[in-house]
Protein backbone atom coordinates (compact mmCIF):
# COMPACT_ATOMS: atom_id res chain seq x y z
CA MET A 1 0.00 0.00 0.00
CA PRO A 2 1.34 3.47 -0.56
CA ASN A 3 3.23 5.25 2.17
CA PRO A 4 1.58 8.25 3.80
CA PRO A 5 3.00 11.78 3.16
CA VAL A 6 5.99 12.88 5.23
CA THR A 7 5.46 16.03 7.27
CA PHE A 8 8.51 18.06 8.44
CA PRO A 9 8.77 20.35 11.42
CA ALA A 10 7.72 23.98 11.01
CA MET A 11 11.30 25.24 11.41
CA PHE A 12 13.31 23.33 8.85
CA THR A 13 17.01 23.98 9.04
CA PRO A 14 20.19 22.09 8.19
CA ALA A 15 20.45 21.25 11.90
CA ASN A 16 17.29 19.13 11.89
CA ALA A 17 17.55 17.76 8.33
CA VAL A 18 16.10 14.25 7.78
CA ALA A 19 18.16 11.51 6.13
CA PHE A 20 16.61 8.90 3.83
CA ALA A 21 17.92 5.99 1.83
CA ASN A 22 17.67 6.10 -1.95
CA ALA A 23 16.54 3.08 -3.99
CA ASP A 24 20.14 2.27 -4.83
CA GLY A 25 21.07 2.30 -1.16
CA THR A 26 22.85 5.72 -1.12
CA ALA A 27 22.05 8.25 1.58
CA GLN A 28 19.64 11.12 0.84
CA THR A 29 19.33 14.14 3.10
CA VAL A 30 16.25 16.32 2.96
CA SER A 31 16.56 19.91 4.16
CA ALA A 32 15.65 23.51 3.17
CA GLU A 33 18.83 23.66 1.10
CA ALA A 34 18.19 20.43 -0.88
CA PRO A 35 16.06 20.35 -4.07
CA LEU A 36 12.54 19.05 -3.62
CA PRO A 37 10.63 16.86 -4.29
CA VAL A 38 12.92 14.08 -3.05
CA ALA A 39 12.92 10.47 -4.30
CA LEU A 40 12.68 8.19 -1.21
CA ALA A 41 13.91 4.62 -0.78
CA GLY A 42 11.87 1.47 -1.41
CA SER A 43 8.36 1.72 -2.63
CA VAL A 44 7.82 5.11 -1.08
CA GLY A 45 8.05 6.82 -4.48
CA THR A 46 8.08 10.61 -4.97
CA GLN A 47 6.70 12.54 -2.00
CA ALA A 48 5.56 16.17 -1.73
CA VAL A 49 7.40 18.29 0.87
CA SER A 50 5.92 21.44 2.43
CA ALA A 51 7.02 23.92 5.09
CA ALA A 52 5.08 26.64 6.96
CA SER A 53 7.98 29.19 6.70
CA LEU A 54 11.67 29.40 5.86
CA PRO A 55 14.32 31.72 7.35
CA LEU A 56 15.87 34.57 5.21
CA PRO A 57 19.60 34.71 4.50
CA ALA A 58 21.64 37.31 6.40
CA GLY A 59 21.38 40.82 4.82
CA ALA A 60 18.23 40.05 2.85
CA ALA A 61 15.85 42.96 2.07
CA THR A 62 13.01 43.62 4.48
CA ALA A 63 9.95 45.85 4.26
CA ALA A 64 11.58 48.43 6.59
CA ASN A 65 14.69 48.72 4.39
CA GLN A 66 12.54 49.03 1.26
CA THR A 67 10.67 52.03 2.68
CA SER A 68 13.92 53.80 3.51
CA GLY A 69 15.26 53.15 -0.01
CA ASN A 70 12.08 54.47 -1.63
CA THR A 71 12.42 57.69 0.37
CA SER A 72 16.01 58.20 -0.82
CA LEU A 73 15.12 57.50 -4.48
CA ALA A 74 12.23 59.97 -4.32
CA ALA A 75 14.57 62.67 -3.01
CA ILE A 76 17.06 62.04 -5.83
CA SER A 77 14.30 62.02 -8.44
CA GLY A 78 13.10 65.42 -7.24
CA GLN A 79 16.48 66.95 -8.14
CA LEU A 80 16.49 65.65 -11.72
CA PRO A 81 14.84 67.33 -14.77
CA ALA A 82 11.69 65.84 -16.19
CA SER A 83 13.56 64.99 -19.43
CA LEU A 84 17.10 64.98 -20.79
CA GLY A 85 18.62 67.49 -23.29
CA PRO A 86 19.39 71.25 -23.37
CA LYS A 87 17.24 73.44 -21.13
CA ALA A 88 16.47 77.14 -20.81
CA SER A 89 18.26 78.90 -17.98
CA ALA A 90 15.25 78.65 -15.63
CA ALA A 91 15.00 74.87 -16.09
CA SER A 92 18.74 74.10 -16.21
CA LEU A 93 20.61 72.55 -13.32
CA SER A 94 23.02 74.92 -11.62
CA VAL A 95 26.50 73.94 -10.49
CA GLY A 96 27.76 75.34 -7.22
CA LEU A 97 31.44 76.14 -6.79
CA ALA A 98 33.30 74.86 -3.81
CA SER A 99 33.02 77.27 -0.89
CA ASP A 100 36.81 77.77 -0.75
CA LEU A 101 37.14 78.92 -4.42
CA ALA A 102 36.95 82.64 -5.21
CA ASN A 103 36.25 81.94 -8.89
CA ILE A 104 36.52 79.23 -11.50
CA GLU A 105 40.31 79.64 -11.72
CA PRO A 106 41.84 80.26 -8.30
CA GLY A 107 45.26 81.84 -8.46
CA ALA A 108 44.56 83.60 -11.79
CA ALA A 109 46.53 86.80 -12.46
CA ALA A 110 46.64 89.38 -15.24
CA ILE A 111 49.97 89.98 -16.98
CA THR A 112 51.91 93.10 -17.86
CA GLY A 113 53.75 91.75 -20.93
CA THR A 114 52.49 90.79 -24.37
CA ALA A 115 52.98 87.04 -24.00
CA MET A 116 51.79 84.50 -21.47
CA PRO A 117 55.26 83.73 -20.03
CA ALA A 118 55.50 87.28 -18.67
CA GLY A 119 53.41 86.32 -15.63
CA GLY A 120 49.86 85.44 -16.58
CA THR A 121 47.97 82.48 -15.11
CA GLY A 122 44.90 80.67 -16.42
CA ILE A 123 42.13 82.17 -18.51
CA THR A 124 42.57 85.63 -16.99
CA GLY A 125 46.22 85.66 -18.00
CA TRP A 126 45.52 84.75 -21.59
CA LEU A 127 42.64 87.21 -21.93
CA SER A 128 44.71 90.03 -20.45
CA ALA A 129 47.52 89.26 -22.92
CA ILE A 130 45.09 89.34 -25.84
CA TYR A 131 43.53 92.58 -24.61
CA ARG A 132 46.87 94.31 -24.22
CA SER A 133 48.06 93.12 -27.64
CA CYS A 134 44.89 94.34 -29.35
CA SER A 135 44.55 97.63 -27.49
CA GLU A 136 45.37 100.86 -29.33
CA GLY A 137 47.59 102.61 -26.86
CA ALA A 138 49.35 100.98 -23.95
CA THR A 139 50.69 103.42 -21.33
CA LEU A 140 53.46 103.07 -18.78
CA ALA A 141 54.52 105.62 -16.14
CA GLY A 142 57.62 105.79 -13.99
CA SER A 143 59.70 108.15 -11.87
CA VAL A 144 63.23 108.10 -10.42
CA THR A 145 65.42 110.25 -8.19
CA SER A 146 68.75 108.98 -9.51
CA ALA A 147 70.55 108.09 -12.72
CA ALA A 148 68.36 105.11 -13.62
CA VAL A 149 65.83 103.82 -16.16
CA VAL A 150 62.53 105.69 -15.81
CA VAL A 151 60.33 103.60 -18.16
CA SER A 152 61.20 100.54 -20.26
CA THR A 153 58.84 98.20 -22.11
CA SER A 154 58.33 95.87 -25.05
CA ASN A 155 57.62 97.60 -28.36
CA ASN A 156 56.26 94.48 -30.07
CA LEU A 157 53.02 95.10 -31.99
CA TYR A 158 53.62 98.87 -31.84
CA MET A 159 55.09 101.24 -34.44
CA GLY A 160 55.94 104.13 -32.15
CA GLY A 161 54.48 106.50 -29.60
CA SER A 162 55.54 109.36 -27.37
CA PHE A 163 57.35 110.01 -24.11
CA GLN A 164 55.80 112.75 -21.95
CA VAL A 165 58.25 114.18 -19.45
CA THR A 166 55.99 115.47 -16.69
CA SER A 167 58.90 116.34 -14.40
CA ALA A 168 62.43 116.93 -15.67
CA GLY A 169 64.12 117.31 -12.28
CA THR A 170 66.89 119.87 -11.85
CA THR A 171 69.65 119.85 -14.47
CA CYS A 172 68.88 116.25 -15.44
CA THR A 173 69.32 114.69 -18.88
CA ILE A 174 67.00 111.99 -20.22
CA THR A 175 68.37 109.70 -22.93
CA TYR A 176 65.99 107.79 -25.22
CA GLU A 177 67.06 104.32 -26.39
CA GLN A 178 65.90 101.24 -28.33
CA SER A 179 66.97 97.58 -28.42
CA ASN A 180 66.10 94.22 -29.95
CA ASP A 181 67.55 91.99 -27.22
CA GLY A 182 66.79 94.15 -24.18
CA THR A 183 70.50 94.20 -23.28
CA ASN A 184 72.34 96.19 -25.94
CA TRP A 185 70.78 99.63 -26.40
CA ALA A 186 71.10 102.19 -29.21
CA THR A 187 69.92 105.80 -29.24
CA LEU A 188 66.31 106.48 -30.22
CA PRO A 189 65.62 109.75 -32.13
CA VAL A 190 62.65 111.71 -30.75
CA VAL A 191 61.00 114.93 -31.90
CA SER A 192 59.41 117.56 -29.70
CA ALA A 193 55.67 117.56 -30.38
CA ALA A 194 55.43 121.21 -29.31
CA ALA A 195 57.63 122.57 -32.12
CA ALA A 196 56.42 122.60 -35.72
CA ASN A 197 59.90 122.34 -37.28
CA ALA A 198 61.86 120.62 -34.50
CA ALA A 199 64.83 118.48 -35.53
CA PRO A 200 65.21 114.94 -34.11
CA VAL A 201 67.20 114.63 -30.88
CA THR A 202 68.22 111.71 -28.66
CA THR A 203 68.10 113.48 -25.27
CA SER A 204 65.96 116.06 -23.47
CA THR A 205 66.33 118.25 -20.40
CA ALA A 206 62.89 119.86 -20.15
CA ALA A 207 59.29 118.79 -19.66
CA GLY A 208 57.32 118.12 -22.84
CA ILE A 209 56.07 115.42 -25.21
CA TYR A 210 58.64 113.73 -27.44
CA THR A 211 57.34 111.49 -30.24
CA TYR A 212 59.20 108.59 -31.83
CA VAL A 213 58.93 105.94 -34.55
CA SER A 214 60.69 102.62 -33.98
CA SER A 215 60.58 99.00 -35.18
CA ALA A 216 62.82 97.77 -32.34
CA ALA A 217 61.57 95.19 -29.80
CA PHE A 218 62.12 97.42 -26.75
CA VAL A 219 62.18 101.16 -26.01
CA ARG A 220 63.08 103.07 -22.87
CA ALA A 221 63.79 106.47 -21.31
CA ARG A 222 66.81 106.64 -19.01
CA VAL A 223 68.21 109.40 -16.80
CA SER A 224 71.80 109.58 -18.04
CA THR A 225 72.77 112.67 -16.02
CA TYR A 226 71.19 113.29 -12.63
CA THR A 227 71.61 116.31 -10.38
CA SER A 228 68.53 116.55 -8.15
CA GLY A 229 64.73 116.39 -8.07
CA THR A 230 62.31 113.82 -9.48
CA VAL A 231 62.29 112.79 -13.12
CA ALA A 232 58.87 111.42 -14.19
CA VAL A 233 57.95 110.07 -17.64
CA VAL A 234 54.71 108.64 -19.10
CA LEU A 235 55.13 106.46 -22.21
CA SER A 236 52.23 106.00 -24.66
CA GLN A 237 52.53 103.40 -27.46
CA LYS A 238 50.55 103.34 -30.70
CA GLN A 239 50.03 100.66 -33.32
CA GLN A 240 49.81 103.25 -36.11
CA VAL A 241 51.82 106.45 -36.10
CA ALA A 242 52.69 109.20 -38.56
CA PRO A 243 56.38 109.71 -39.39
CA SER A 244 57.85 112.05 -36.80
CA SER A 245 61.49 112.21 -37.89
CA GLY A 246 63.03 113.83 -40.91
CA VAL A 247 65.66 116.27 -42.14
CA SER A 248 65.53 119.89 -41.06
CA LEU A 249 66.82 122.59 -43.41
CA ALA A 250 66.29 125.36 -40.89
CA ALA A 251 70.01 126.01 -40.44
CA GLY A 252 73.35 124.91 -41.80
CA ALA A 253 73.96 123.42 -45.23
CA SER A 254 72.03 120.44 -46.57
CA GLY A 255 72.13 118.66 -49.90
CA ILE A 256 69.01 117.36 -51.68
CA GLY A 257 70.11 115.59 -54.82
CA SER A 258 72.06 118.14 -56.81
CA VAL A 259 70.50 121.15 -55.06
CA SER A 260 72.53 122.74 -52.27
CA VAL A 261 70.96 124.98 -49.66
CA THR A 262 73.21 127.14 -47.53
CA GLY A 263 72.01 129.11 -44.55
CA THR A 264 68.40 130.25 -44.33
CA THR A 265 66.23 131.17 -47.35
CA THR A 266 63.34 133.53 -46.69
CA ILE A 267 60.47 133.85 -49.17
CA THR A 268 58.07 136.75 -48.66
CA GLY A 269 54.66 136.94 -50.32
CA SER A 270 53.45 134.55 -53.02
CA VAL A 271 55.74 132.39 -55.12
CA ASN A 272 55.79 132.76 -58.94
CA LEU A 273 54.45 136.32 -59.02
CA GLY A 274 54.26 138.20 -62.33
CA ASN A 275 55.29 141.77 -63.05
CA GLY A 276 53.07 143.83 -65.44
CA PHE A 277 53.31 147.21 -67.18
CA THR A 278 50.95 149.64 -69.03
CA ASP A 279 53.12 150.79 -71.90
CA SER A 280 50.77 153.22 -73.73
CA THR A 281 47.18 154.36 -74.15
CA ALA A 282 47.92 157.29 -76.50
CA ALA A 283 46.52 156.97 -80.06
CA LEU A 284 49.11 156.75 -82.86
CA ALA A 285 49.13 158.73 -86.08
CA ALA A 286 49.09 156.94 -89.42
CA SER A 287 52.20 154.77 -89.92
CA ALA A 288 53.56 155.88 -86.50
CA THR A 289 55.59 153.59 -84.17
CA PHE A 290 55.50 153.25 -80.38
CA THR A 291 58.58 151.76 -78.66
CA GLY A 292 58.29 150.62 -75.07
CA THR A 293 60.84 150.74 -72.25
CA GLY A 294 63.50 148.01 -72.17
CA ARG A 295 63.18 145.84 -69.06
CA ALA A 296 65.63 143.27 -67.65
CA ASN A 297 64.80 139.94 -66.00
CA SER A 298 67.61 140.73 -63.56
CA ALA A 299 66.64 138.24 -60.81
CA GLY A 300 65.95 135.46 -63.30
CA GLN A 301 62.67 134.53 -61.56
CA PHE A 302 60.52 135.03 -64.70
CA ALA A 303 60.30 132.59 -67.60
CA PHE A 304 58.20 134.59 -70.08
CA PHE A 305 57.84 138.11 -71.49
CA ASN A 306 54.35 138.91 -72.83
CA ALA A 307 52.72 141.72 -74.84
CA THR A 308 49.07 142.60 -75.59
CA ALA A 309 47.74 145.29 -77.97
CA PHE A 310 44.31 146.62 -79.04
CA ALA A 311 43.70 149.29 -81.71
CA ASP A 312 40.85 150.56 -83.88
CA GLN A 313 43.24 150.59 -86.84
CA ALA A 314 45.29 147.72 -88.23
CA GLY A 315 48.91 147.44 -87.15
CA THR A 316 51.68 145.05 -86.02
CA LEU A 317 52.77 144.10 -82.47
CA PHE A 318 56.44 143.24 -81.77
CA ILE A 319 58.61 141.97 -78.89
CA ASP A 320 62.27 143.02 -79.10
CA GLN A 321 65.26 141.61 -77.18
CA SER A 322 68.65 143.15 -76.34
CA LEU A 323 71.73 141.24 -75.19
CA ASP A 324 73.90 144.32 -74.66
CA THR A 325 72.00 146.26 -71.97
CA GLY A 326 69.74 148.01 -74.50
CA THR A 327 72.35 149.25 -76.94
CA SER A 328 70.74 147.32 -79.77
CA TYR A 329 67.45 145.40 -80.11
CA GLN A 330 66.30 142.63 -82.43
CA ALA A 331 62.65 141.67 -83.07
CA ILE A 332 62.12 138.10 -81.82
CA ALA A 333 58.30 137.85 -82.14
CA SER A 334 55.52 139.68 -84.01
CA GLN A 335 51.76 139.47 -84.50
CA ALA A 336 49.42 141.31 -86.92
CA VAL A 337 46.59 143.22 -85.24
CA ALA A 338 43.33 143.62 -87.19
CA ALA A 339 41.39 146.89 -86.92
CA GLY A 340 39.07 146.90 -83.92
CA SER A 341 40.59 143.73 -82.37
CA GLY A 342 43.45 142.71 -80.12
CA ALA A 343 46.46 140.40 -80.20
CA ASN A 344 48.77 138.75 -77.67
CA ILE A 345 52.26 137.32 -78.07
CA SER A 346 54.66 135.71 -75.61
CA VAL A 347 58.33 134.66 -75.69
CA ARG A 348 60.39 132.51 -73.34
CA THR A 349 63.14 134.50 -71.68
CA CYS A 350 66.66 133.56 -72.77
CA GLY A 351 70.18 134.89 -72.38
CA ALA A 352 72.34 135.61 -69.38
CA VAL A 353 70.48 136.44 -66.19
CA GLY A 354 71.17 140.04 -65.28
CA THR A 355 70.80 143.55 -66.63
CA ALA A 356 72.47 142.78 -69.96
CA THR A 357 69.44 140.85 -71.27
CA MET A 358 66.43 143.14 -71.83
CA TYR A 359 62.97 142.92 -73.41
CA ARG A 360 60.60 145.59 -74.76
CA VAL A 361 57.26 145.91 -76.57
CA ARG A 362 56.94 147.81 -79.88
CA TYR A 363 53.89 148.66 -82.05
CA VAL A 364 53.83 149.88 -85.69
CA ASN A 365 50.52 151.50 -86.76
CA GLY A 366 49.02 151.05 -90.21
CA ALA A 367 47.94 153.66 -92.77
CA GLY A 368 45.01 155.03 -90.74
CA ALA A 369 45.26 157.27 -87.67
CA GLN A 370 44.09 155.67 -84.41
CA THR A 371 41.44 156.97 -82.08
CA THR A 372 41.78 154.06 -79.59
CA PHE A 373 45.02 152.29 -78.59
CA ARG A 374 45.94 150.06 -75.65
CA LEU A 375 49.39 148.47 -75.21
CA SER A 376 50.71 146.51 -72.21
CA SER A 377 53.44 143.98 -71.34
CA SER A 378 54.51 141.73 -68.48
CA PHE A 379 57.02 139.24 -67.07
CA SER A 380 55.56 135.97 -65.77
CA ALA A 381 56.83 132.73 -64.26
CA SER A 382 54.56 130.54 -66.37
């Protein structure tokens, strides 16, 4: 007859496991850790096994732990956006800096040079370098009370500028210099901005603004001779400057090509003035001749001699030249004048410059007596 079902204790643990014999005579242990159902020995066959409750492994989840976890997850979920992706500023998540950081780059510092190695740190250093390089007019001020450098700076990215001496001290000399390596210095010509025709100099002893043009890497102002007082200089650099140096012809002798200028030349009034004359307004009798006054181009400043005539009777207008101070004249130009009209002739001045070469106007009337006659002449530069 079949065996009745086997009932195990309510608390089923490895300590109170039940041992059975298998059909082949091997031992079989039944416990909570063994797979069920279990094949029993003999004619018992396969038996169902049940238990009222089983113990949980150490560290297993419990209802109390689950509640605590749900609370934590809800708090985290409340800090997250409803969806992923870019958000407007009001819906974006902010990031708070650590309380011991003054800004995003602690230790940042602006630089005073034109390249990062001069002392910049971080983003601020780079931005300050870019700003200084792109700015149109860096300034640097300094003062000394001894024979020392007043201001010195890099001239990279600049074409020139000006030194303003705000205080020259007492009997002190400032020398202006330029250099490519910052060690070996050469003189730097400067020009006083207060004088319209100032010549370039390399030193100054008085207050004022002194402009310069330089392609060197460095420029400076240095007190080369010190007596007393404070010497103060403000340097302003510019990326674009007008030429401020040149050659002055105010004094001395200077050569420009093949032209030599000695001393000082003074020109009064307008250049290339003409010189005109009214030779006659008196009517001529039939076949009469009027001869004008001989005039010399003694200064040589005129290039042409001109003559104009008007008459109510036909005639002929002449220009005569003398090469022997008026002793003899030769006609060098002529023009027929129709009755009631005018005529004009012009000749280029030639001959030696001085009183020996002279020009005059001459008019020969036709067969009819005039009632109206106008005759004039002039020297002109063009």
